[in-house]
Amino acid sequence: MVRPHLEAVQLPQKAPLVRPDEDITHVHFIERGCASLISVLPDGDAVEVGTIGNEGLVGTPILMEANRMPYQCEVQIPGDGWRMPAMAFQAAVHQSGTLRAKLLRFAQAHFNQVAQSAACNRLHTIEERCARWLLMSRDRAGDDFPLTQEYLAVMLGVRRAGVTVTAKLLQNAGLIAYTRGNITILDPAGLEETACDCYRIVRDEFRRLLPEGENHPTGGRQR
């Protein structure tokens, strides 16, 4: 009931998947790469409040019988995936209790992530938050992915100068390599020691609610 409606799509960096306060016409299932849920304030400041990879879907409001949200969602790390018309997705969810239960567990895990990110952004240092963000991205995109300091600053809601200093500290510690807009994670265990507990809390909740090896809604497998 899902596969016949899926359309393969490329997901270039910064491609908009959901625009604030506009009707969501399609949901997206990411196979490679990941997307960011971003809160943009009236003064133009922006900060990431959630990350979505191949563990779930982009377009949770459709699952909740809504059709829009006040946030934007754009591709953070480029890749590919599938998109499905919102109406066809709603019909599939209504027809399959198993599919609906699985996606609601993802929605709960993602809510936990967003809530934890709010606490993290308020209470923890830039270095801890940066390490957390890099580990979350690694979980969804692998050890090597494109990333500019400007974009990372938006993701963390800080000035670029703070990101520059933090990236240099992590690189000097041998945890990452940063060259020409590309990040390579060299020491995941060391990076986890640097990160705040928020990374572990969110990771463990995803593992509890979405066990490894469980079928993905598109019929594939999660990481």
C-alpha atoms as a PDB file:
ATOM      1  CA  MET A   1       0.000   0.000   0.000  1.00  0.00           C
ATOM      2  CA  VAL A   2       3.065   2.265   0.303  1.00  0.00           C
ATOM      3  CA  ARG A   3       5.404   1.068  -2.456  1.00  0.00           C
ATOM      4  CA  PRO A   4       3.084   1.786  -5.444  1.00  0.00           C
ATOM      5  CA  HIS A   5       2.970   5.459  -4.472  1.00  0.00           C
ATOM      6  CA  LEU A   6       6.693   6.009  -3.884  1.00  0.00           C
ATOM      7  CA  GLU A   7       8.701   8.221  -6.234  1.00  0.00           C
ATOM      8  CA  ALA A   8      12.513   8.124  -6.111  1.00  0.00           C
ATOM      9  CA  VAL A   9      14.019  11.578  -5.508  1.00  0.00           C
ATOM     10  CA  GLN A  10      17.464  13.113  -5.190  1.00  0.00           C
ATOM     11  CA  LEU A  11      17.915  15.274  -2.094  1.00  0.00           C
ATOM     12  CA  PRO A  12      20.502  18.028  -2.667  1.00  0.00           C
ATOM     13  CA  GLN A  13      21.740  20.046   0.302  1.00  0.00           C
ATOM     14  CA  LYS A  14      19.304  22.748   1.476  1.00  0.00           C
ATOM     15  CA  ALA A  15      16.475  21.387  -0.687  1.00  0.00           C
ATOM     16  CA  PRO A  16      13.202  22.439   1.012  1.00  0.00           C
ATOM     17  CA  LEU A  17      11.007  19.495   1.997  1.00  0.00           C
ATOM     18  CA  VAL A  18       8.519  21.443   4.137  1.00  0.00           C
ATOM     19  CA  ARG A  19       7.985  25.204   4.153  1.00  0.00           C
ATOM     20  CA  PRO A  20       6.591  27.047   7.190  1.00  0.00           C
ATOM     21  CA  ASP A  21       2.798  27.393   7.253  1.00  0.00           C
ATOM     22  CA  GLU A  22       2.380  25.889   3.772  1.00  0.00           C
ATOM     23  CA  ASP A  23       0.386  22.771   2.987  1.00  0.00           C
ATOM     24  CA  ILE A  24       2.520  19.624   3.001  1.00  0.00           C
ATOM     25  CA  THR A  25       1.835  17.930  -0.335  1.00  0.00           C
ATOM     26  CA  HIS A  26       4.266  15.003   0.073  1.00  0.00           C
ATOM     27  CA  VAL A  27       5.930  13.049   2.843  1.00  0.00           C
ATOM     28  CA  HIS A  28       9.565  12.011   2.353  1.00  0.00           C
ATOM     29  CA  PHE A  29      11.430   8.870   3.374  1.00  0.00           C
ATOM     30  CA  ILE A  30      15.186   9.484   3.399  1.00  0.00           C
ATOM     31  CA  GLU A  31      17.448   6.602   2.382  1.00  0.00           C
ATOM     32  CA  ARG A  32      20.803   8.419   2.438  1.00  0.00           C
ATOM     33  CA  GLY A  33      21.563  11.756   4.071  1.00  0.00           C
ATOM     34  CA  CYS A  34      19.407  13.581   6.587  1.00  0.00           C
ATOM     35  CA  ALA A  35      17.162  16.597   6.999  1.00  0.00           C
ATOM     36  CA  SER A  36      16.877  19.331   9.600  1.00  0.00           C
ATOM     37  CA  LEU A  37      13.750  20.698  11.212  1.00  0.00           C
ATOM     38  CA  ILE A  38      14.486  24.406  11.651  1.00  0.00           C
ATOM     39  CA  SER A  39      12.763  27.123  13.664  1.00  0.00           C
ATOM     40  CA  VAL A  40      13.104  30.527  11.987  1.00  0.00           C
ATOM     41  CA  LEU A  41      12.235  33.493  14.197  1.00  0.00           C
ATOM     42  CA  PRO A  42      10.691  36.779  12.967  1.00  0.00           C
ATOM     43  CA  ASP A  43      14.068  38.545  13.227  1.00  0.00           C
ATOM     44  CA  GLY A  44      15.614  35.972  10.864  1.00  0.00           C
ATOM     45  CA  ASP A  45      17.581  34.020  13.473  1.00  0.00           C
ATOM     46  CA  ALA A  46      17.329  30.265  12.982  1.00  0.00           C
ATOM     47  CA  VAL A  47      18.201  27.120  14.909  1.00  0.00           C
ATOM     48  CA  GLU A  48      17.772  23.424  14.246  1.00  0.00           C
ATOM     49  CA  VAL A  49      15.304  21.724  16.582  1.00  0.00           C
ATOM     50  CA  GLY A  50      15.310  18.219  15.086  1.00  0.00           C
ATOM     51  CA  THR A  51      17.164  15.850  12.758  1.00  0.00           C
ATOM     52  CA  ILE A  52      15.538  13.198  10.559  1.00  0.00           C
ATOM     53  CA  GLY A  53      17.308  10.392   8.693  1.00  0.00           C
ATOM     54  CA  ASN A  54      16.313   6.966   7.417  1.00  0.00           C
ATOM     55  CA  GLU A  55      14.692   6.033  10.731  1.00  0.00           C
ATOM     56  CA  GLY A  56      11.397   7.752   9.930  1.00  0.00           C
ATOM     57  CA  LEU A  57       9.751  10.301   7.688  1.00  0.00           C
ATOM     58  CA  VAL A  58       9.610  14.000   6.918  1.00  0.00           C
ATOM     59  CA  GLY A  59       6.016  15.187   7.186  1.00  0.00           C
ATOM     60  CA  THR A  60       4.893  14.064  10.641  1.00  0.00           C
ATOM     61  CA  PRO A  61       1.938  16.531  10.675  1.00  0.00           C
ATOM     62  CA  ILE A  62       0.281  14.428   7.968  1.00  0.00           C
ATOM     63  CA  LEU A  63       0.489  11.407  10.265  1.00  0.00           C
ATOM     64  CA  MET A  64      -1.230  13.494  12.966  1.00  0.00           C
ATOM     65  CA  GLU A  65      -4.114  14.493  10.652  1.00  0.00           C
ATOM     66  CA  ALA A  66      -2.707  17.999  10.185  1.00  0.00           C
ATOM     67  CA  ASN A  67      -1.446  19.558   6.967  1.00  0.00           C
ATOM     68  CA  ARG A  68       1.167  22.162   7.939  1.00  0.00           C
ATOM     69  CA  MET A  69       3.546  23.347  10.661  1.00  0.00           C
ATOM     70  CA  PRO A  70       5.296  26.647  11.539  1.00  0.00           C
ATOM     71  CA  TYR A  71       8.775  25.204  10.907  1.00  0.00           C
ATOM     72  CA  GLN A  72      10.790  24.514   7.809  1.00  0.00           C
ATOM     73  CA  CYS A  73      12.474  21.238   6.984  1.00  0.00           C
ATOM     74  CA  GLU A  74      15.370  21.146   4.553  1.00  0.00           C
ATOM     75  CA  VAL A  75      18.036  18.680   3.529  1.00  0.00           C
ATOM     76  CA  GLN A  76      21.011  18.981   5.861  1.00  0.00           C
ATOM     77  CA  ILE A  77      23.287  16.306   4.357  1.00  0.00           C
ATOM     78  CA  PRO A  78      22.594  15.470   0.692  1.00  0.00           C
ATOM     79  CA  GLY A  79      21.465  12.043  -0.393  1.00  0.00           C
ATOM     80  CA  ASP A  80      18.398  10.389  -1.869  1.00  0.00           C
ATOM     81  CA  GLY A  81      15.127   8.813  -0.870  1.00  0.00           C
ATOM     82  CA  TRP A  82      11.457   8.558  -1.729  1.00  0.00           C
ATOM     83  CA  ARG A  83       8.476  10.832  -1.646  1.00  0.00           C
ATOM     84  CA  MET A  84       4.797   9.954  -1.459  1.00  0.00           C
ATOM     85  CA  PRO A  85       1.688  12.119  -1.943  1.00  0.00           C
ATOM     86  CA  ALA A  86       0.251  13.166   1.400  1.00  0.00           C
ATOM     87  CA  MET A  87      -3.241  11.890   0.582  1.00  0.00           C
ATOM     88  CA  ALA A  88      -1.941   8.457  -0.454  1.00  0.00           C
ATOM     89  CA  PHE A  89       0.128   8.320   2.731  1.00  0.00           C
ATOM     90  CA  GLN A  90      -2.881   9.128   4.910  1.00  0.00           C
ATOM     91  CA  ALA A  91      -4.893   6.412   3.179  1.00  0.00           C
ATOM     92  CA  ALA A  92      -2.124   3.851   3.758  1.00  0.00           C
ATOM     93  CA  VAL A  93      -1.894   4.773   7.445  1.00  0.00           C
ATOM     94  CA  HIS A  94      -5.664   4.393   7.853  1.00  0.00           C
ATOM     95  CA  GLN A  95      -5.581   0.966   6.185  1.00  0.00           C
ATOM     96  CA  SER A  96      -2.694  -0.490   8.195  1.00  0.00           C
ATOM     97  CA  GLY A  97      -2.636  -0.467  11.975  1.00  0.00           C
ATOM     98  CA  THR A  98       0.878  -1.929  11.918  1.00  0.00           C
ATOM     99  CA  LEU A  99       2.188   0.900   9.744  1.00  0.00           C
ATOM    100  CA  ARG A 100       0.448   3.514  11.870  1.00  0.00           C
ATOM    101  CA  ALA A 101       1.860   2.060  15.111  1.00  0.00           C
ATOM    102  CA  LYS A 102       5.390   2.010  13.697  1.00  0.00           C
ATOM    103  CA  LEU A 103       5.186   5.603  12.504  1.00  0.00           C
ATOM    104  CA  LEU A 104       3.673   6.779  15.782  1.00  0.00           C
ATOM    105  CA  ARG A 105       6.643   5.259  17.595  1.00  0.00           C
ATOM    106  CA  PHE A 106       8.909   7.266  15.306  1.00  0.00           C
ATOM    107  CA  ALA A 107       6.857  10.402  16.047  1.00  0.00           C
ATOM    108  CA  GLN A 108       7.322   9.802  19.789  1.00  0.00           C
ATOM    109  CA  ALA A 109      11.080   9.259  19.376  1.00  0.00           C
ATOM    110  CA  HIS A 110      11.343  12.422  17.301  1.00  0.00           C
ATOM    111  CA  PHE A 111       9.325  14.398  19.865  1.00  0.00           C
ATOM    112  CA  ASN A 112      11.778  13.204  22.518  1.00  0.00           C
ATOM    113  CA  GLN A 113      14.654  14.407  20.347  1.00  0.00           C
ATOM    114  CA  VAL A 114      13.104  17.859  19.840  1.00  0.00           C
ATOM    115  CA  ALA A 115      12.394  18.233  23.570  1.00  0.00           C
ATOM    116  CA  GLN A 116      15.912  17.153  24.506  1.00  0.00           C
ATOM    117  CA  SER A 117      17.384  19.557  21.939  1.00  0.00           C
ATOM    118  CA  ALA A 118      15.510  22.450  23.570  1.00  0.00           C
ATOM    119  CA  ALA A 119      17.087  21.619  26.933  1.00  0.00           C
ATOM    120  CA  CYS A 120      20.503  21.050  25.334  1.00  0.00           C
ATOM    121  CA  ASN A 121      20.506  24.382  23.494  1.00  0.00           C
ATOM    122  CA  ARG A 122      19.738  26.180  26.758  1.00  0.00           C
ATOM    123  CA  LEU A 123      22.042  24.357  29.180  1.00  0.00           C
ATOM    124  CA  HIS A 124      25.119  22.979  27.429  1.00  0.00           C
ATOM    125  CA  THR A 125      28.293  24.440  25.939  1.00  0.00           C
ATOM    126  CA  ILE A 126      28.860  24.925  22.225  1.00  0.00           C
ATOM    127  CA  GLU A 127      31.502  22.186  22.276  1.00  0.00           C
ATOM    128  CA  GLU A 128      29.121  19.666  23.877  1.00  0.00           C
ATOM    129  CA  ARG A 129      26.289  20.597  21.537  1.00  0.00           C
ATOM    130  CA  CYS A 130      28.517  20.473  18.470  1.00  0.00           C
ATOM    131  CA  ALA A 131      29.781  16.998  19.409  1.00  0.00           C
ATOM    132  CA  ARG A 132      26.173  15.849  19.943  1.00  0.00           C
ATOM    133  CA  TRP A 133      25.097  17.225  16.579  1.00  0.00           C
ATOM    134  CA  LEU A 134      28.020  15.634  14.735  1.00  0.00           C
ATOM    135  CA  LEU A 135      27.295  12.251  16.318  1.00  0.00           C
ATOM    136  CA  MET A 136      23.606  12.464  15.398  1.00  0.00           C
ATOM    137  CA  SER A 137      24.579  13.297  11.824  1.00  0.00           C
ATOM    138  CA  ARG A 138      27.089  10.443  11.758  1.00  0.00           C
ATOM    139  CA  ASP A 139      24.384   7.993  12.878  1.00  0.00           C
ATOM    140  CA  ARG A 140      22.348   8.964   9.813  1.00  0.00           C
ATOM    141  CA  ALA A 141      24.979   9.761   7.171  1.00  0.00           C
ATOM    142  CA  GLY A 142      28.197   7.915   8.070  1.00  0.00           C
ATOM    143  CA  ASP A 143      31.651   9.123   9.067  1.00  0.00           C
ATOM    144  CA  ASP A 144      32.181  11.555   6.194  1.00  0.00           C
ATOM    145  CA  PHE A 145      29.746  14.234   5.029  1.00  0.00           C
ATOM    146  CA  PRO A 146      29.703  17.761   3.549  1.00  0.00           C
ATOM    147  CA  LEU A 147      29.276  20.585   6.058  1.00  0.00           C
ATOM    148  CA  THR A 148      30.178  24.267   6.060  1.00  0.00           C
ATOM    149  CA  GLN A 149      30.812  26.244   9.224  1.00  0.00           C
ATOM    150  CA  GLU A 150      28.071  28.661   8.189  1.00  0.00           C
ATOM    151  CA  TYR A 151      25.529  25.837   8.073  1.00  0.00           C
ATOM    152  CA  LEU A 152      26.732  24.326  11.337  1.00  0.00           C
ATOM    153  CA  ALA A 153      26.316  27.743  12.982  1.00  0.00           C
ATOM    154  CA  VAL A 154      22.665  27.784  11.883  1.00  0.00           C
ATOM    155  CA  MET A 155      22.161  24.237  13.147  1.00  0.00           C
ATOM    156  CA  LEU A 156      23.486  25.211  16.582  1.00  0.00           C
ATOM    157  CA  GLY A 157      21.967  28.693  16.659  1.00  0.00           C
ATOM    158  CA  VAL A 158      25.321  30.408  17.307  1.00  0.00           C
ATOM    159  CA  ARG A 159      27.654  32.808  15.521  1.00  0.00           C
ATOM    160  CA  ARG A 160      30.118  31.411  13.014  1.00  0.00           C
ATOM    161  CA  ALA A 161      33.060  32.587  15.137  1.00  0.00           C
ATOM    162  CA  GLY A 162      31.986  30.233  17.930  1.00  0.00           C
ATOM    163  CA  VAL A 163      31.740  27.328  15.495  1.00  0.00           C
ATOM    164  CA  THR A 164      35.188  28.085  14.075  1.00  0.00           C
ATOM    165  CA  VAL A 165      36.783  27.905  17.519  1.00  0.00           C
ATOM    166  CA  THR A 166      34.860  24.748  18.450  1.00  0.00           C
ATOM    167  CA  ALA A 167      35.678  22.929  15.199  1.00  0.00           C
ATOM    168  CA  LYS A 168      39.358  23.764  15.680  1.00  0.00           C
ATOM    169  CA  LEU A 169      39.287  22.385  19.248  1.00  0.00           C
ATOM    170  CA  LEU A 170      37.696  19.131  18.100  1.00  0.00           C
ATOM    171  CA  GLN A 171      40.148  18.844  15.224  1.00  0.00           C
ATOM    172  CA  ASN A 172      43.186  19.524  17.421  1.00  0.00           C
ATOM    173  CA  ALA A 173      41.931  16.798  19.773  1.00  0.00           C
ATOM    174  CA  GLY A 174      41.949  14.326  16.878  1.00  0.00           C
ATOM    175  CA  LEU A 175      38.193  13.799  17.002  1.00  0.00           C
ATOM    176  CA  ILE A 176      37.350  15.176  13.550  1.00  0.00           C
ATOM    177  CA  ALA A 177      39.013  16.347  10.364  1.00  0.00           C
ATOM    178  CA  TYR A 178      37.575  19.458   8.715  1.00  0.00           C
ATOM    179  CA  THR A 179      38.660  20.465   5.213  1.00  0.00           C
ATOM    180  CA  ARG A 180      36.986  22.507   2.499  1.00  0.00           C
ATOM    181  CA  GLY A 181      33.447  22.172   3.722  1.00  0.00           C
ATOM    182  CA  ASN A 182      33.700  18.492   4.611  1.00  0.00           C
ATOM    183  CA  ILE A 183      33.674  16.768   8.003  1.00  0.00           C
ATOM    184  CA  THR A 184      35.215  13.373   8.748  1.00  0.00           C
ATOM    185  CA  ILE A 185      34.576  11.768  12.124  1.00  0.00           C
ATOM    186  CA  LEU A 186      37.889  10.235  13.222  1.00  0.00           C
ATOM    187  CA  ASP A 187      37.143   9.179  16.794  1.00  0.00           C
ATOM    188  CA  PRO A 188      33.419   8.523  17.481  1.00  0.00           C
ATOM    189  CA  ALA A 189      34.099   7.233  21.007  1.00  0.00           C
ATOM    190  CA  GLY A 190      36.129  10.328  21.867  1.00  0.00           C
ATOM    191  CA  LEU A 191      33.467  12.552  20.353  1.00  0.00           C
ATOM    192  CA  GLU A 192      30.834  10.842  22.503  1.00  0.00           C
ATOM    193  CA  GLU A 193      32.924  11.548  25.608  1.00  0.00           C
ATOM    194  CA  THR A 194      32.953  15.219  24.604  1.00  0.00           C
ATOM    195  CA  ALA A 195      29.214  15.353  23.900  1.00  0.00           C
ATOM    196  CA  CYS A 196      26.643  15.998  26.609  1.00  0.00           C
ATOM    197  CA  ASP A 197      24.354  13.234  27.869  1.00  0.00           C
ATOM    198  CA  CYS A 198      21.658  14.461  25.472  1.00  0.00           C
ATOM    199  CA  TYR A 199      23.165  12.414  22.631  1.00  0.00           C
ATOM    200  CA  ARG A 200      22.955   9.150  24.595  1.00  0.00           C
ATOM    201  CA  ILE A 201      19.450   9.898  25.880  1.00  0.00           C
ATOM    202  CA  VAL A 202      18.067  10.544  22.392  1.00  0.00           C
ATOM    203  CA  ARG A 203      19.957   7.621  20.817  1.00  0.00           C
ATOM    204  CA  ASP A 204      18.726   5.164  23.440  1.00  0.00           C
ATOM    205  CA  GLU A 205      15.123   6.296  23.039  1.00  0.00           C
ATOM    206  CA  PHE A 206      15.302   5.776  19.268  1.00  0.00           C
ATOM    207  CA  ARG A 207      16.722   2.295  19.830  1.00  0.00           C
ATOM    208  CA  ARG A 208      13.978   1.460  22.325  1.00  0.00           C
ATOM    209  CA  LEU A 209      11.114   2.697  20.169  1.00  0.00           C
ATOM    210  CA  LEU A 210      12.557   1.660  16.778  1.00  0.00           C
ATOM    211  CA  PRO A 211      14.525  -1.566  17.307  1.00  0.00           C
ATOM    212  CA  GLU A 212      17.453  -2.180  14.948  1.00  0.00           C
ATOM    213  CA  GLY A 213      16.537  -4.352  11.977  1.00  0.00           C
ATOM    214  CA  GLU A 214      12.822  -3.508  12.070  1.00  0.00           C
ATOM    215  CA  ASN A 215      11.351  -3.025   8.618  1.00  0.00           C
ATOM    216  CA  HIS A 216      11.317   0.578   7.419  1.00  0.00           C
ATOM    217  CA  PRO A 217       7.906   1.882   6.223  1.00  0.00           C
ATOM    218  CA  THR A 218       9.178   1.871   2.615  1.00  0.00           C
ATOM    219  CA  GLY A 219       9.952  -1.846   2.855  1.00  0.00           C
ATOM    220  CA  GLY A 220      13.708  -1.384   3.325  1.00  0.00           C
ATOM    221  CA  ARG A 221      15.775  -1.565   6.485  1.00  0.00           C
ATOM    222  CA  GLN A 222      16.774   1.040   9.022  1.00  0.00           C
ATOM    223  CA  ARG A 223      20.335   1.523  10.142  1.00  0.00           C
END
